[in-house]
Amino acid sequence: VVADERRELIDRIVAAEAEQDQLQSRA
């Protein structure tokens, strides 16, 4: 359970960083 939660959190961080890069490029 802890491993799954950690992977999910890492995936969310990576997705948020990718979205931030896209928004910065658009800005």
PDB file of all heavy atoms in Angstrom:
ATOM      1  N   VAL A   1       0.839  -1.205   0.000  1.00  0.00           N
ATOM      2  CA  VAL A   1       0.000   0.000   0.000  1.00  0.00           C
ATOM      3  C   VAL A   1       0.870   1.249   0.000  1.00  0.00           C
ATOM      4  O   VAL A   1       0.626   2.214  -0.753  1.00  0.00           O
ATOM      5  CB  VAL A   1      -0.938  -0.016   1.229  1.00  0.00           C
ATOM      6  CG1 VAL A   1      -1.767   1.264   1.261  1.00  0.00           C
ATOM      7  CG2 VAL A   1      -1.835  -1.235   1.190  1.00  0.00           C
ATOM      8  N   VAL A   2       1.912   1.272   0.838  1.00  0.00           N
ATOM      9  CA  VAL A   2       2.812   2.426   0.898  1.00  0.00           C
ATOM     10  C   VAL A   2       3.526   2.615  -0.437  1.00  0.00           C
ATOM     11  O   VAL A   2       3.687   3.741  -0.929  1.00  0.00           O
ATOM     12  CB  VAL A   2       3.829   2.242   2.037  1.00  0.00           C
ATOM     13  CG1 VAL A   2       4.867   3.366   2.016  1.00  0.00           C
ATOM     14  CG2 VAL A   2       3.122   2.209   3.392  1.00  0.00           C
ATOM     15  N   ALA A   3       3.962   1.507  -1.046  1.00  0.00           N
ATOM     16  CA  ALA A   3       4.641   1.596  -2.337  1.00  0.00           C
ATOM     17  C   ALA A   3       3.714   2.154  -3.418  1.00  0.00           C
ATOM     18  O   ALA A   3       4.122   2.981  -4.246  1.00  0.00           O
ATOM     19  CB  ALA A   3       5.174   0.228  -2.746  1.00  0.00           C
ATOM     20  N   ASP A   4       2.462   1.719  -3.411  1.00  0.00           N
ATOM     21  CA  ASP A   4       1.501   2.229  -4.396  1.00  0.00           C
ATOM     22  C   ASP A   4       1.256   3.720  -4.201  1.00  0.00           C
ATOM     23  O   ASP A   4       1.186   4.485  -5.177  1.00  0.00           O
ATOM     24  CB  ASP A   4       0.183   1.460  -4.289  1.00  0.00           C
ATOM     25  CG  ASP A   4       0.332   0.001  -4.733  1.00  0.00           C
ATOM     26  OD1 ASP A   4       1.312  -0.294  -5.439  1.00  0.00           O
ATOM     27  OD2 ASP A   4      -0.520  -0.825  -4.351  1.00  0.00           O
ATOM     28  N   GLU A   5       1.108   4.148  -2.945  1.00  0.00           N
ATOM     29  CA  GLU A   5       0.888   5.563  -2.666  1.00  0.00           C
ATOM     30  C   GLU A   5       2.096   6.398  -3.102  1.00  0.00           C
ATOM     31  O   GLU A   5       1.943   7.507  -3.640  1.00  0.00           O
ATOM     32  CB  GLU A   5       0.610   5.770  -1.182  1.00  0.00           C
ATOM     33  CG  GLU A   5      -0.724   5.177  -0.721  1.00  0.00           C
ATOM     34  CD  GLU A   5      -0.931   5.365   0.766  1.00  0.00           C
ATOM     35  OE1 GLU A   5       0.026   5.797   1.443  1.00  0.00           O
ATOM     36  OE2 GLU A   5      -2.047   5.078   1.250  1.00  0.00           O
ATOM     37  N   ARG A   6       3.292   5.873  -2.878  1.00  0.00           N
ATOM     38  CA  ARG A   6       4.497   6.597  -3.272  1.00  0.00           C
ATOM     39  C   ARG A   6       4.580   6.734  -4.794  1.00  0.00           C
ATOM     40  O   ARG A   6       4.897   7.814  -5.319  1.00  0.00           O
ATOM     41  CB  ARG A   6       5.732   5.876  -2.739  1.00  0.00           C
ATOM     42  CG  ARG A   6       7.042   6.590  -3.020  1.00  0.00           C
ATOM     43  CD  ARG A   6       8.192   5.861  -2.342  1.00  0.00           C
ATOM     44  NE  ARG A   6       9.442   6.573  -2.554  1.00  0.00           N
ATOM     45  CZ  ARG A   6      10.228   6.420  -3.613  1.00  0.00           C
ATOM     46  NH1 ARG A   6       9.855   5.575  -4.580  1.00  0.00           N
ATOM     47  NH2 ARG A   6      11.357   7.099  -3.729  1.00  0.00           N
ATOM     48  N   ARG A   7       4.300   5.655  -5.512  1.00  0.00           N
ATOM     49  CA  ARG A   7       4.316   5.720  -6.977  1.00  0.00           C
ATOM     50  C   ARG A   7       3.274   6.696  -7.497  1.00  0.00           C
ATOM     51  O   ARG A   7       3.522   7.453  -8.441  1.00  0.00           O
ATOM     52  CB  ARG A   7       4.087   4.315  -7.558  1.00  0.00           C
ATOM     53  CG  ARG A   7       5.313   3.404  -7.490  1.00  0.00           C
ATOM     54  CD  ARG A   7       5.105   2.182  -8.365  1.00  0.00           C
ATOM     55  NE  ARG A   7       3.991   1.370  -7.887  1.00  0.00           N
ATOM     56  CZ  ARG A   7       4.112   0.375  -7.033  1.00  0.00           C
ATOM     57  NH1 ARG A   7       5.317   0.066  -6.539  1.00  0.00           N
ATOM     58  NH2 ARG A   7       3.062  -0.328  -6.655  1.00  0.00           N
ATOM     59  N   GLU A   8       2.087   6.686  -6.878  1.00  0.00           N
ATOM     60  CA  GLU A   8       1.037   7.601  -7.313  1.00  0.00           C
ATOM     61  C   GLU A   8       1.444   9.053  -7.086  1.00  0.00           C
ATOM     62  O   GLU A   8       1.220   9.921  -7.940  1.00  0.00           O
ATOM     63  CB  GLU A   8      -0.251   7.299  -6.548  1.00  0.00           C
ATOM     64  CG  GLU A   8      -1.427   8.197  -6.947  1.00  0.00           C
ATOM     65  CD  GLU A   8      -2.688   7.896  -6.136  1.00  0.00           C
ATOM     66  OE1 GLU A   8      -2.648   6.950  -5.316  1.00  0.00           O
ATOM     67  OE2 GLU A   8      -3.680   8.607  -6.322  1.00  0.00           O
ATOM     68  N   LEU A   9       2.093   9.313  -5.942  1.00  0.00           N
ATOM     69  CA  LEU A   9       2.536  10.678  -5.648  1.00  0.00           C
ATOM     70  C   LEU A   9       3.616  11.119  -6.630  1.00  0.00           C
ATOM     71  O   LEU A   9       3.600  12.266  -7.112  1.00  0.00           O
ATOM     72  CB  LEU A   9       3.066  10.747  -4.211  1.00  0.00           C
ATOM     73  CG  LEU A   9       3.548  12.122  -3.722  1.00  0.00           C
ATOM     74  CD1 LEU A   9       2.423  13.135  -3.808  1.00  0.00           C
ATOM     75  CD2 LEU A   9       4.073  12.027  -2.301  1.00  0.00           C
ATOM     76  N   ILE A  10       4.544  10.218  -6.956  1.00  0.00           N
ATOM     77  CA  ILE A  10       5.592  10.556  -7.915  1.00  0.00           C
ATOM     78  C   ILE A  10       4.992  10.844  -9.290  1.00  0.00           C
ATOM     79  O   ILE A  10       5.384  11.799  -9.981  1.00  0.00           O
ATOM     80  CB  ILE A  10       6.628   9.419  -7.992  1.00  0.00           C
ATOM     81  CG1 ILE A  10       7.403   9.313  -6.670  1.00  0.00           C
ATOM     82  CG2 ILE A  10       7.587   9.634  -9.164  1.00  0.00           C
ATOM     83  CD1 ILE A  10       8.362   8.152  -6.622  1.00  0.00           C
ATOM     84  N   ASP A  11       4.029  10.032  -9.693  1.00  0.00           N
ATOM     85  CA  ASP A  11       3.374  10.253 -10.995  1.00  0.00           C
ATOM     86  C   ASP A  11       2.671  11.612 -11.027  1.00  0.00           C
ATOM     87  O   ASP A  11       2.716  12.324 -12.050  1.00  0.00           O
ATOM     88  CB  ASP A  11       2.371   9.133 -11.269  1.00  0.00           C
ATOM     89  CG  ASP A  11       3.056   7.790 -11.487  1.00  0.00           C
ATOM     90  OD1 ASP A  11       4.262   7.787 -11.786  1.00  0.00           O
ATOM     91  OD2 ASP A  11       2.382   6.744 -11.343  1.00  0.00           O
ATOM     92  N   ARG A  12       2.031  11.971  -9.928  1.00  0.00           N
ATOM     93  CA  ARG A  12       1.342  13.266  -9.878  1.00  0.00           C
ATOM     94  C   ARG A  12       2.338  14.416  -9.953  1.00  0.00           C
ATOM     95  O   ARG A  12       2.083  15.436 -10.620  1.00  0.00           O
ATOM     96  CB  ARG A  12       0.514  13.355  -8.604  1.00  0.00           C
ATOM     97  CG  ARG A  12      -0.692  12.419  -8.565  1.00  0.00           C
ATOM     98  CD  ARG A  12      -1.355  12.416  -7.204  1.00  0.00           C
ATOM     99  NE  ARG A  12      -1.802  13.751  -6.828  1.00  0.00           N
ATOM    100  CZ  ARG A  12      -2.324  14.041  -5.631  1.00  0.00           C
ATOM    101  NH1 ARG A  12      -2.443  13.084  -4.718  1.00  0.00           N
ATOM    102  NH2 ARG A  12      -2.712  15.262  -5.368  1.00  0.00           N
ATOM    103  N   ILE A  13       3.487  14.269  -9.294  1.00  0.00           N
ATOM    104  CA  ILE A  13       4.507  15.322  -9.333  1.00  0.00           C
ATOM    105  C   ILE A  13       5.057  15.472 -10.741  1.00  0.00           C
ATOM    106  O   ILE A  13       5.219  16.602 -11.254  1.00  0.00           O
ATOM    107  CB  ILE A  13       5.638  15.014  -8.331  1.00  0.00           C
ATOM    108  CG1 ILE A  13       5.113  15.098  -6.888  1.00  0.00           C
ATOM    109  CG2 ILE A  13       6.813  15.956  -8.533  1.00  0.00           C
ATOM    110  CD1 ILE A  13       6.111  14.669  -5.846  1.00  0.00           C
ATOM    111  N   VAL A  14       5.356  14.349 -11.390  1.00  0.00           N
ATOM    112  CA  VAL A  14       5.885  14.400 -12.754  1.00  0.00           C
ATOM    113  C   VAL A  14       4.871  15.040 -13.705  1.00  0.00           C
ATOM    114  O   VAL A  14       5.223  15.861 -14.562  1.00  0.00           O
ATOM    115  CB  VAL A  14       6.265  12.983 -13.227  1.00  0.00           C
ATOM    116  CG1 VAL A  14       6.623  12.977 -14.703  1.00  0.00           C
ATOM    117  CG2 VAL A  14       7.429  12.445 -12.403  1.00  0.00           C
ATOM    118  N   ALA A  15       3.597  14.672 -13.549  1.00  0.00           N
ATOM    119  CA  ALA A  15       2.558  15.243 -14.409  1.00  0.00           C
ATOM    120  C   ALA A  15       2.414  16.747 -14.169  1.00  0.00           C
ATOM    121  O   ALA A  15       2.253  17.532 -15.119  1.00  0.00           O
ATOM    122  CB  ALA A  15       1.229  14.532 -14.164  1.00  0.00           C
ATOM    123  N   ALA A  16       2.483  17.162 -12.904  1.00  0.00           N
ATOM    124  CA  ALA A  16       2.362  18.594 -12.596  1.00  0.00           C
ATOM    125  C   ALA A  16       3.539  19.377 -13.165  1.00  0.00           C
ATOM    126  O   ALA A  16       3.365  20.494 -13.678  1.00  0.00           O
ATOM    127  CB  ALA A  16       2.267  18.795 -11.085  1.00  0.00           C
ATOM    128  N   GLU A  17       4.748  18.812 -13.091  1.00  0.00           N
ATOM    129  CA  GLU A  17       5.912  19.497 -13.644  1.00  0.00           C
ATOM    130  C   GLU A  17       5.804  19.609 -15.163  1.00  0.00           C
ATOM    131  O   GLU A  17       6.161  20.648 -15.746  1.00  0.00           O
ATOM    132  CB  GLU A  17       7.186  18.749 -13.252  1.00  0.00           C
ATOM    133  CG  GLU A  17       7.522  18.841 -11.758  1.00  0.00           C
ATOM    134  CD  GLU A  17       8.757  18.051 -11.413  1.00  0.00           C
ATOM    135  OE1 GLU A  17       9.191  17.223 -12.260  1.00  0.00           O
ATOM    136  OE2 GLU A  17       9.293  18.236 -10.297  1.00  0.00           O
ATOM    137  N   ALA A  18       5.326  18.553 -15.808  1.00  0.00           N
ATOM    138  CA  ALA A  18       5.151  18.603 -17.268  1.00  0.00           C
ATOM    139  C   ALA A  18       4.119  19.663 -17.647  1.00  0.00           C
ATOM    140  O   ALA A  18       4.311  20.425 -18.612  1.00  0.00           O
ATOM    141  CB  ALA A  18       4.740  17.234 -17.790  1.00  0.00           C
ATOM    142  N   GLU A  19       3.025  19.735 -16.893  1.00  0.00           N
ATOM    143  CA  GLU A  19       2.006  20.745 -17.172  1.00  0.00           C
ATOM    144  C   GLU A  19       2.555  22.148 -16.954  1.00  0.00           C
ATOM    145  O   GLU A  19       2.256  23.074 -17.720  1.00  0.00           O
ATOM    146  CB  GLU A  19       0.795  20.510 -16.274  1.00  0.00           C
ATOM    147  CG  GLU A  19      -0.356  21.464 -16.526  1.00  0.00           C
ATOM    148  CD  GLU A  19      -1.539  21.198 -15.617  1.00  0.00           C
ATOM    149  OE1 GLU A  19      -1.449  20.278 -14.774  1.00  0.00           O
ATOM    150  OE2 GLU A  19      -2.554  21.907 -15.750  1.00  0.00           O
ATOM    151  N   GLN A  20       3.378  22.307 -15.906  1.00  0.00           N
ATOM    152  CA  GLN A  20       3.972  23.619 -15.658  1.00  0.00           C
ATOM    153  C   GLN A  20       4.888  24.036 -16.799  1.00  0.00           C
ATOM    154  O   GLN A  20       4.887  25.201 -17.214  1.00  0.00           O
ATOM    155  CB  GLN A  20       4.746  23.589 -14.343  1.00  0.00           C
ATOM    156  CG  GLN A  20       5.350  24.934 -13.954  1.00  0.00           C
ATOM    157  CD  GLN A  20       6.099  24.872 -12.646  1.00  0.00           C
ATOM    158  OE1 GLN A  20       6.330  23.799 -12.107  1.00  0.00           O
ATOM    159  NE2 GLN A  20       6.488  26.008 -12.122  1.00  0.00           N
ATOM    160  N   ASP A  21       5.665  23.094 -17.331  1.00  0.00           N
ATOM    161  CA  ASP A  21       6.547  23.410 -18.459  1.00  0.00           C
ATOM    162  C   ASP A  21       5.736  23.827 -19.688  1.00  0.00           C
ATOM    163  O   ASP A  21       6.111  24.771 -20.407  1.00  0.00           O
ATOM    164  CB  ASP A  21       7.423  22.200 -18.791  1.00  0.00           C
ATOM    165  CG  ASP A  21       8.424  21.891 -17.680  1.00  0.00           C
ATOM    166  OD1 ASP A  21       8.707  22.797 -16.882  1.00  0.00           O
ATOM    167  OD2 ASP A  21       8.900  20.736 -17.611  1.00  0.00           O
ATOM    168  N   GLN A  22       4.632  23.144 -19.927  1.00  0.00           N
ATOM    169  CA  GLN A  22       3.790  23.496 -21.066  1.00  0.00           C
ATOM    170  C   GLN A  22       3.192  24.887 -20.906  1.00  0.00           C
ATOM    171  O   GLN A  22       3.159  25.686 -21.859  1.00  0.00           O
ATOM    172  CB  GLN A  22       2.682  22.456 -21.234  1.00  0.00           C
ATOM    173  CG  GLN A  22       3.170  21.074 -21.638  1.00  0.00           C
ATOM    174  CD  GLN A  22       2.056  20.063 -21.710  1.00  0.00           C
ATOM    175  OE1 GLN A  22       0.902  20.363 -21.429  1.00  0.00           O
ATOM    176  NE2 GLN A  22       2.401  18.835 -22.091  1.00  0.00           N
ATOM    177  N   LEU A  23       2.721  25.181 -19.695  1.00  0.00           N
ATOM    178  CA  LEU A  23       2.149  26.502 -19.447  1.00  0.00           C
ATOM    179  C   LEU A  23       3.202  27.600 -19.564  1.00  0.00           C
ATOM    180  O   LEU A  23       2.914  28.700 -20.071  1.00  0.00           O
ATOM    181  CB  LEU A  23       1.510  26.531 -18.058  1.00  0.00           C
ATOM    182  CG  LEU A  23       0.273  25.640 -17.865  1.00  0.00           C
ATOM    183  CD1 LEU A  23      -0.181  25.675 -16.410  1.00  0.00           C
ATOM    184  CD2 LEU A  23      -0.863  26.101 -18.776  1.00  0.00           C
ATOM    185  N   GLN A  24       4.434  27.306 -19.102  1.00  0.00           N
ATOM    186  CA  GLN A  24       5.491  28.293 -19.216  1.00  0.00           C
ATOM    187  C   GLN A  24       5.827  28.569 -20.671  1.00  0.00           C
ATOM    188  O   GLN A  24       6.039  29.719 -21.086  1.00  0.00           O
ATOM    189  CB  GLN A  24       6.743  27.795 -18.470  1.00  0.00           C
ATOM    190  CG  GLN A  24       7.925  28.748 -18.538  1.00  0.00           C
ATOM    191  CD  GLN A  24       7.585  30.103 -17.947  1.00  0.00           C
ATOM    192  OE1 GLN A  24       6.939  30.183 -16.900  1.00  0.00           O
ATOM    193  NE2 GLN A  24       8.010  31.164 -18.608  1.00  0.00           N
ATOM    194  N   SER A  25       5.870  27.506 -21.483  1.00  0.00           N
ATOM    195  CA  SER A  25       6.138  27.680 -22.909  1.00  0.00           C
ATOM    196  C   SER A  25       5.041  28.502 -23.577  1.00  0.00           C
ATOM    197  O   SER A  25       5.311  29.393 -24.395  1.00  0.00           O
ATOM    198  CB  SER A  25       6.268  26.312 -23.582  1.00  0.00           C
ATOM    199  OG  SER A  25       6.461  26.440 -24.968  1.00  0.00           O
ATOM    200  N   ARG A  26       3.802  28.205 -23.210  1.00  0.00           N
ATOM    201  CA  ARG A  26       2.678  28.961 -23.767  1.00  0.00           C
ATOM    202  C   ARG A  26       2.719  30.426 -23.328  1.00  0.00           C
ATOM    203  O   ARG A  26       2.434  31.337 -24.127  1.00  0.00           O
ATOM    204  CB  ARG A  26       1.360  28.323 -23.322  1.00  0.00           C
ATOM    205  CG  ARG A  26       0.111  29.016 -23.815  1.00  0.00           C
ATOM    206  CD  ARG A  26       0.080  29.101 -25.326  1.00  0.00           C
ATOM    207  NE  ARG A  26      -1.147  29.716 -25.811  1.00  0.00           N
ATOM    208  CZ  ARG A  26      -1.315  30.192 -27.036  1.00  0.00           C
ATOM    209  NH1 ARG A  26      -0.315  30.119 -27.921  1.00  0.00           N
ATOM    210  NH2 ARG A  26      -2.458  30.738 -27.405  1.00  0.00           N
ATOM    211  N   ALA A  27       3.117  30.671 -22.076  1.00  0.00           N
ATOM    212  CA  ALA A  27       3.205  32.049 -21.589  1.00  0.00           C
ATOM    213  C   ALA A  27       4.279  32.823 -22.339  1.00  0.00           C
ATOM    214  O   ALA A  27       4.108  34.014 -22.652  1.00  0.00           O
ATOM    215  CB  ALA A  27       3.506  32.048 -20.090  1.00  0.00           C
TER     216      ALA A  27
END
